[in-house]
Structures are given as structure tokens and as C-alpha cells.
Amino acid sequence: MDHRTLEAIRKMATVAIEAEMMRALEQSANKYLGDRVAAIIEHLHDAPEDGGRGNAPTGGPGKAKR
């Protein structure tokens, strides 16, 4: 094989590897973020010990006055 052929194969291999890396990274990020969102939603819906408000805002010092 001559130099040009090897260079062409190298470029194609680089493109293929980068595409596969991006696909794998996207899948991994989607799984991680999906798991995090699921954990947050589950936490927000946990049964509260105070009789039903859960983790909803309590209207403490940051509550807007009307």
C-alpha cells in the first residue's frame, strides 16, 4: 500500500471511531441523566412523615406576600 492509501484508511478509521465514541457517550449520558431525574422524582414523591405535604415548598421566609 502506498502512503495515500494508508492516509485515506486512517482518516476513515478516525471518523468511524469518533462516531462510535459519540454514540456511546450519548447513550451513557442519557442513562445517567435519566437515572438522576428518576431519583429526583422518586425523592419528591416519597411519602412524607408530616401528613401529606412531602417535599413541597412550605411557604417559609421566601414566600411572596400578597
PDB file of N, CA and C in Angstrom:
ATOM      1  N   MET A   1       0.853  -1.190   0.000  1.00  0.00           N
ATOM      2  CA  MET A   1       0.000   0.000   0.000  1.00  0.00           C
ATOM      3  C   MET A   1       0.888   1.239   0.000  1.00  0.00           C
ATOM      4  N   ASP A   2       0.423   2.219  -0.696  1.00  0.00           N
ATOM      5  CA  ASP A   2       1.203   3.447  -0.713  1.00  0.00           C
ATOM      6  C   ASP A   2       0.740   4.391   0.399  1.00  0.00           C
ATOM      7  N   HIS A   3       1.443   5.470   0.539  1.00  0.00           N
ATOM      8  CA  HIS A   3       1.198   6.437   1.618  1.00  0.00           C
ATOM      9  C   HIS A   3      -0.214   7.032   1.547  1.00  0.00           C
ATOM     10  N   ARG A   4      -0.684   7.334   0.333  1.00  0.00           N
ATOM     11  CA  ARG A   4      -2.018   7.944   0.188  1.00  0.00           C
ATOM     12  C   ARG A   4      -3.123   6.987   0.608  1.00  0.00           C
ATOM     13  N   THR A   5      -2.961   5.723   0.282  1.00  0.00           N
ATOM     14  CA  THR A   5      -3.962   4.722   0.666  1.00  0.00           C
ATOM     15  C   THR A   5      -4.018   4.586   2.182  1.00  0.00           C
ATOM     16  N   LEU A   6      -2.856   4.504   2.805  1.00  0.00           N
ATOM     17  CA  LEU A   6      -2.817   4.396   4.262  1.00  0.00           C
ATOM     18  C   LEU A   6      -3.427   5.628   4.927  1.00  0.00           C
ATOM     19  N   GLU A   7      -3.142   6.793   4.385  1.00  0.00           N
ATOM     20  CA  GLU A   7      -3.697   8.027   4.948  1.00  0.00           C
ATOM     21  C   GLU A   7      -5.219   8.044   4.806  1.00  0.00           C
ATOM     22  N   ALA A   8      -5.741   7.576   3.681  1.00  0.00           N
ATOM     23  CA  ALA A   8      -7.192   7.521   3.474  1.00  0.00           C
ATOM     24  C   ALA A   8      -7.841   6.547   4.453  1.00  0.00           C
ATOM     25  N   ILE A   9      -7.222   5.393   4.651  1.00  0.00           N
ATOM     26  CA  ILE A   9      -7.752   4.405   5.604  1.00  0.00           C
ATOM     27  C   ILE A   9      -7.712   4.976   7.018  1.00  0.00           C
ATOM     28  N   ARG A  10      -6.638   5.658   7.365  1.00  0.00           N
ATOM     29  CA  ARG A  10      -6.512   6.263   8.691  1.00  0.00           C
ATOM     30  C   ARG A  10      -7.626   7.289   8.930  1.00  0.00           C
ATOM     31  N   LYS A  11      -7.912   8.121   7.935  1.00  0.00           N
ATOM     32  CA  LYS A  11      -8.974   9.125   8.076  1.00  0.00           C
ATOM     33  C   LYS A  11     -10.339   8.466   8.247  1.00  0.00           C
ATOM     34  N   MET A  12     -10.604   7.419   7.451  1.00  0.00           N
ATOM     35  CA  MET A  12     -11.891   6.718   7.580  1.00  0.00           C
ATOM     36  C   MET A  12     -12.018   6.055   8.949  1.00  0.00           C
ATOM     37  N   ALA A  13     -10.934   5.465   9.421  1.00  0.00           N
ATOM     38  CA  ALA A  13     -10.957   4.823  10.736  1.00  0.00           C
ATOM     39  C   ALA A  13     -11.202   5.851  11.833  1.00  0.00           C
ATOM     40  N   THR A  14     -10.582   7.011  11.713  1.00  0.00           N
ATOM     41  CA  THR A  14     -10.779   8.077  12.702  1.00  0.00           C
ATOM     42  C   THR A  14     -12.233   8.519  12.738  1.00  0.00           C
ATOM     43  N   VAL A  15     -12.838   8.700  11.571  1.00  0.00           N
ATOM     44  CA  VAL A  15     -14.248   9.104  11.504  1.00  0.00           C
ATOM     45  C   VAL A  15     -15.132   8.037  12.142  1.00  0.00           C
ATOM     46  N   ALA A  16     -14.874   6.772  11.829  1.00  0.00           N
ATOM     47  CA  ALA A  16     -15.684   5.682  12.379  1.00  0.00           C
ATOM     48  C   ALA A  16     -15.545   5.597  13.898  1.00  0.00           C
ATOM     49  N   ILE A  17     -14.333   5.718  14.393  1.00  0.00           N
ATOM     50  CA  ILE A  17     -14.098   5.637  15.838  1.00  0.00           C
ATOM     51  C   ILE A  17     -14.743   6.817  16.555  1.00  0.00           C
ATOM     52  N   GLU A  18     -14.605   8.018  15.999  1.00  0.00           N
ATOM     53  CA  GLU A  18     -15.217   9.193  16.630  1.00  0.00           C
ATOM     54  C   GLU A  18     -16.737   9.070  16.662  1.00  0.00           C
ATOM     55  N   ALA A  19     -17.330   8.565  15.582  1.00  0.00           N
ATOM     56  CA  ALA A  19     -18.785   8.385  15.547  1.00  0.00           C
ATOM     57  C   ALA A  19     -19.226   7.386  16.613  1.00  0.00           C
ATOM     58  N   GLU A  20     -18.497   6.298  16.754  1.00  0.00           N
ATOM     59  CA  GLU A  20     -18.846   5.289  17.760  1.00  0.00           C
ATOM     60  C   GLU A  20     -18.661   5.839  19.174  1.00  0.00           C
ATOM     61  N   MET A  21     -17.598   6.621  19.389  1.00  0.00           N
ATOM     62  CA  MET A  21     -17.385   7.237  20.708  1.00  0.00           C
ATOM     63  C   MET A  21     -18.526   8.186  21.050  1.00  0.00           C
ATOM     64  N   MET A  22     -18.955   8.988  20.087  1.00  0.00           N
ATOM     65  CA  MET A  22     -20.049   9.934  20.328  1.00  0.00           C
ATOM     66  C   MET A  22     -21.350   9.193  20.637  1.00  0.00           C
ATOM     67  N   ARG A  23     -21.607   8.098  19.914  1.00  0.00           N
ATOM     68  CA  ARG A  23     -22.815   7.313  20.158  1.00  0.00           C
ATOM     69  C   ARG A  23     -22.789   6.722  21.570  1.00  0.00           C
ATOM     70  N   ALA A  24     -21.658   6.150  21.953  1.00  0.00           N
ATOM     71  CA  ALA A  24     -21.531   5.549  23.279  1.00  0.00           C
ATOM     72  C   ALA A  24     -21.638   6.612  24.370  1.00  0.00           C
ATOM     73  N   LEU A  25     -21.029   7.766  24.155  1.00  0.00           N
ATOM     74  CA  LEU A  25     -21.098   8.851  25.134  1.00  0.00           C
ATOM     75  C   LEU A  25     -22.528   9.348  25.292  1.00  0.00           C
ATOM     76  N   GLU A  26     -23.244   9.487  24.176  1.00  0.00           N
ATOM     77  CA  GLU A  26     -24.633   9.934  24.237  1.00  0.00           C
ATOM     78  C   GLU A  26     -25.497   8.931  25.003  1.00  0.00           C
ATOM     79  N   GLN A  27     -25.321   7.642  24.733  1.00  0.00           N
ATOM     80  CA  GLN A  27     -26.081   6.621  25.456  1.00  0.00           C
ATOM     81  C   GLN A  27     -25.776   6.668  26.949  1.00  0.00           C
ATOM     82  N   SER A  28     -24.510   6.797  27.283  1.00  0.00           N
ATOM     83  CA  SER A  28     -24.108   6.839  28.683  1.00  0.00           C
ATOM     84  C   SER A  28     -24.676   8.069  29.385  1.00  0.00           C
ATOM     85  N   ALA A  29     -24.592   9.218  28.732  1.00  0.00           N
ATOM     86  CA  ALA A  29     -25.118  10.451  29.322  1.00  0.00           C
ATOM     87  C   ALA A  29     -26.627  10.369  29.493  1.00  0.00           C
ATOM     88  N   ASN A  30     -27.327   9.834  28.496  1.00  0.00           N
ATOM     89  CA  ASN A  30     -28.782   9.706  28.599  1.00  0.00           C
ATOM     90  C   ASN A  30     -29.174   8.783  29.743  1.00  0.00           C
ATOM     91  N   LYS A  31     -28.453   7.674  29.907  1.00  0.00           N
ATOM     92  CA  LYS A  31     -28.758   6.755  31.010  1.00  0.00           C
ATOM     93  C   LYS A  31     -28.509   7.433  32.350  1.00  0.00           C
ATOM     94  N   TYR A  32     -27.362   8.099  32.483  1.00  0.00           N
ATOM     95  CA  TYR A  32     -27.029   8.766  33.740  1.00  0.00           C
ATOM     96  C   TYR A  32     -28.064   9.836  34.073  1.00  0.00           C
ATOM     97  N   LEU A  33     -28.369  10.688  33.100  1.00  0.00           N
ATOM     98  CA  LEU A  33     -29.331  11.766  33.355  1.00  0.00           C
ATOM     99  C   LEU A  33     -30.723  11.210  33.619  1.00  0.00           C
ATOM    100  N   GLY A  34     -31.104  10.169  32.899  1.00  0.00           N
ATOM    101  CA  GLY A  34     -32.402   9.537  33.139  1.00  0.00           C
ATOM    102  C   GLY A  34     -32.488   8.968  34.547  1.00  0.00           C
ATOM    103  N   ASP A  35     -31.416   8.311  34.982  1.00  0.00           N
ATOM    104  CA  ASP A  35     -31.384   7.765  36.343  1.00  0.00           C
ATOM    105  C   ASP A  35     -31.452   8.878  37.383  1.00  0.00           C
ATOM    106  N   ARG A  36     -30.748   9.985  37.137  1.00  0.00           N
ATOM    107  CA  ARG A  36     -30.761  11.106  38.092  1.00  0.00           C
ATOM    108  C   ARG A  36     -32.146  11.726  38.182  1.00  0.00           C
ATOM    109  N   VAL A  37     -32.782  11.951  37.025  1.00  0.00           N
ATOM    110  CA  VAL A  37     -34.125  12.535  37.018  1.00  0.00           C
ATOM    111  C   VAL A  37     -35.098  11.601  37.723  1.00  0.00           C
ATOM    112  N   ALA A  38     -34.988  10.305  37.469  1.00  0.00           N
ATOM    113  CA  ALA A  38     -35.864   9.338  38.134  1.00  0.00           C
ATOM    114  C   ALA A  38     -35.667   9.378  39.646  1.00  0.00           C
ATOM    115  N   ALA A  39     -34.422   9.483  40.098  1.00  0.00           N
ATOM    116  CA  ALA A  39     -34.150   9.546  41.535  1.00  0.00           C
ATOM    117  C   ALA A  39     -34.726  10.821  42.144  1.00  0.00           C
ATOM    118  N   ILE A  40     -34.621  11.935  41.432  1.00  0.00           N
ATOM    119  CA  ILE A  40     -35.167  13.200  41.939  1.00  0.00           C
ATOM    120  C   ILE A  40     -36.683  13.119  42.034  1.00  0.00           C
ATOM    121  N   ILE A  41     -37.321  12.595  40.992  1.00  0.00           N
ATOM    122  CA  ILE A  41     -38.784  12.473  41.003  1.00  0.00           C
ATOM    123  C   ILE A  41     -39.224  11.537  42.119  1.00  0.00           C
ATOM    124  N   GLU A  42     -38.520  10.431  42.283  1.00  0.00           N
ATOM    125  CA  GLU A  42     -38.857   9.498  43.357  1.00  0.00           C
ATOM    126  C   GLU A  42     -38.718  10.182  44.718  1.00  0.00           C
ATOM    127  N   HIS A  43     -37.666  10.958  44.891  1.00  0.00           N
ATOM    128  CA  HIS A  43     -37.455  11.668  46.151  1.00  0.00           C
ATOM    129  C   HIS A  43     -38.594  12.652  46.411  1.00  0.00           C
ATOM    130  N   LEU A  44     -39.026  13.340  45.361  1.00  0.00           N
ATOM    131  CA  LEU A  44     -40.104  14.318  45.521  1.00  0.00           C
ATOM    132  C   LEU A  44     -41.438  13.658  45.857  1.00  0.00           C
ATOM    133  N   HIS A  45     -41.604  12.405  45.463  1.00  0.00           N
ATOM    134  CA  HIS A  45     -42.866  11.713  45.713  1.00  0.00           C
ATOM    135  C   HIS A  45     -42.809  10.766  46.908  1.00  0.00           C
ATOM    136  N   ASP A  46     -41.708  10.757  47.629  1.00  0.00           N
ATOM    137  CA  ASP A  46     -41.621   9.908  48.821  1.00  0.00           C
ATOM    138  C   ASP A  46     -42.723  10.278  49.796  1.00  0.00           C
ATOM    139  N   ALA A  47     -43.223   9.287  50.510  1.00  0.00           N
ATOM    140  CA  ALA A  47     -44.277   9.535  51.497  1.00  0.00           C
ATOM    141  C   ALA A  47     -43.721  10.403  52.621  1.00  0.00           C
ATOM    142  N   PRO A  48     -44.344  11.517  52.886  1.00  0.00           N
ATOM    143  CA  PRO A  48     -43.871  12.409  53.947  1.00  0.00           C
ATOM    144  C   PRO A  48     -44.283  11.904  55.326  1.00  0.00           C
ATOM    145  N   GLU A  49     -43.556  12.348  56.304  1.00  0.00           N
ATOM    146  CA  GLU A  49     -43.884  11.997  57.684  1.00  0.00           C
ATOM    147  C   GLU A  49     -44.777  13.044  58.324  1.00  0.00           C
ATOM    148  N   ASP A  50     -45.050  14.148  57.620  1.00  0.00           N
ATOM    149  CA  ASP A  50     -45.823  15.237  58.213  1.00  0.00           C
ATOM    150  C   ASP A  50     -47.293  15.216  57.796  1.00  0.00           C
ATOM    151  N   GLY A  51     -47.749  14.118  57.204  1.00  0.00           N
ATOM    152  CA  GLY A  51     -49.161  14.007  56.907  1.00  0.00           C
ATOM    153  C   GLY A  51     -49.571  14.394  55.503  1.00  0.00           C
ATOM    154  N   GLY A  52     -48.659  14.537  54.570  1.00  0.00           N
ATOM    155  CA  GLY A  52     -49.107  14.705  53.213  1.00  0.00           C
ATOM    156  C   GLY A  52     -48.455  15.761  52.352  1.00  0.00           C
ATOM    157  N   ARG A  53     -47.632  16.638  52.893  1.00  0.00           N
ATOM    158  CA  ARG A  53     -47.067  17.686  52.041  1.00  0.00           C
ATOM    159  C   ARG A  53     -45.817  17.229  51.292  1.00  0.00           C
ATOM    160  N   GLY A  54     -45.180  16.168  51.708  1.00  0.00           N
ATOM    161  CA  GLY A  54     -43.980  15.710  51.019  1.00  0.00           C
ATOM    162  C   GLY A  54     -42.890  16.760  51.057  1.00  0.00           C
ATOM    163  N   ASN A  55     -42.261  16.955  49.945  1.00  0.00           N
ATOM    164  CA  ASN A  55     -41.180  17.931  49.856  1.00  0.00           C
ATOM    165  C   ASN A  55     -41.639  19.208  49.171  1.00  0.00           C
ATOM    166  N   ALA A  56     -42.928  19.471  49.193  1.00  0.00           N
ATOM    167  CA  ALA A  56     -43.456  20.685  48.581  1.00  0.00           C
ATOM    168  C   ALA A  56     -42.988  21.893  49.382  1.00  0.00           C
ATOM    169  N   PRO A  57     -42.872  23.047  48.732  1.00  0.00           N
ATOM    170  CA  PRO A  57     -42.471  24.258  49.458  1.00  0.00           C
ATOM    171  C   PRO A  57     -43.420  24.539  50.620  1.00  0.00           C
ATOM    172  N   THR A  58     -42.867  25.025  51.707  1.00  0.00           N
ATOM    173  CA  THR A  58     -43.670  25.233  52.912  1.00  0.00           C
ATOM    174  C   THR A  58     -44.148  26.661  53.069  1.00  0.00           C
ATOM    175  N   GLY A  59     -43.706  27.554  52.214  1.00  0.00           N
ATOM    176  CA  GLY A  59     -44.126  28.944  52.355  1.00  0.00           C
ATOM    177  C   GLY A  59     -43.401  29.647  53.478  1.00  0.00           C
ATOM    178  N   GLY A  60     -42.163  29.277  53.695  1.00  0.00           N
ATOM    179  CA  GLY A  60     -41.350  29.876  54.749  1.00  0.00           C
ATOM    180  C   GLY A  60     -40.934  31.288  54.410  1.00  0.00           C
ATOM    181  N   PRO A  61     -39.745  31.701  54.808  1.00  0.00           N
ATOM    182  CA  PRO A  61     -39.290  33.083  54.650  1.00  0.00           C
ATOM    183  C   PRO A  61     -39.303  33.576  53.203  1.00  0.00           C
ATOM    184  N   GLY A  62     -39.181  32.682  52.225  1.00  0.00           N
ATOM    185  CA  GLY A  62     -39.135  33.113  50.839  1.00  0.00           C
ATOM    186  C   GLY A  62     -40.496  33.295  50.202  1.00  0.00           C
ATOM    187  N   LYS A  63     -41.575  33.091  50.957  1.00  0.00           N
ATOM    188  CA  LYS A  63     -42.920  33.166  50.392  1.00  0.00           C
ATOM    189  C   LYS A  63     -43.262  34.608  50.022  1.00  0.00           C
ATOM    190  N   ALA A  64     -43.846  34.763  48.830  1.00  0.00           N
ATOM    191  CA  ALA A  64     -44.242  36.103  48.383  1.00  0.00           C
ATOM    192  C   ALA A  64     -45.459  36.570  49.170  1.00  0.00           C
ATOM    193  N   LYS A  65     -45.468  37.844  49.534  1.00  0.00           N
ATOM    194  CA  LYS A  65     -46.599  38.407  50.276  1.00  0.00           C
ATOM    195  C   LYS A  65     -47.598  38.982  49.300  1.00  0.00           C
ATOM    196  N   ARG A  66     -48.862  38.799  49.601  1.00  0.00           N
ATOM    197  CA  ARG A  66     -49.923  39.329  48.731  1.00  0.00           C
ATOM    198  C   ARG A  66     -50.714  40.365  49.452  1.00  0.00           C
TER     199      ARG A  66
END
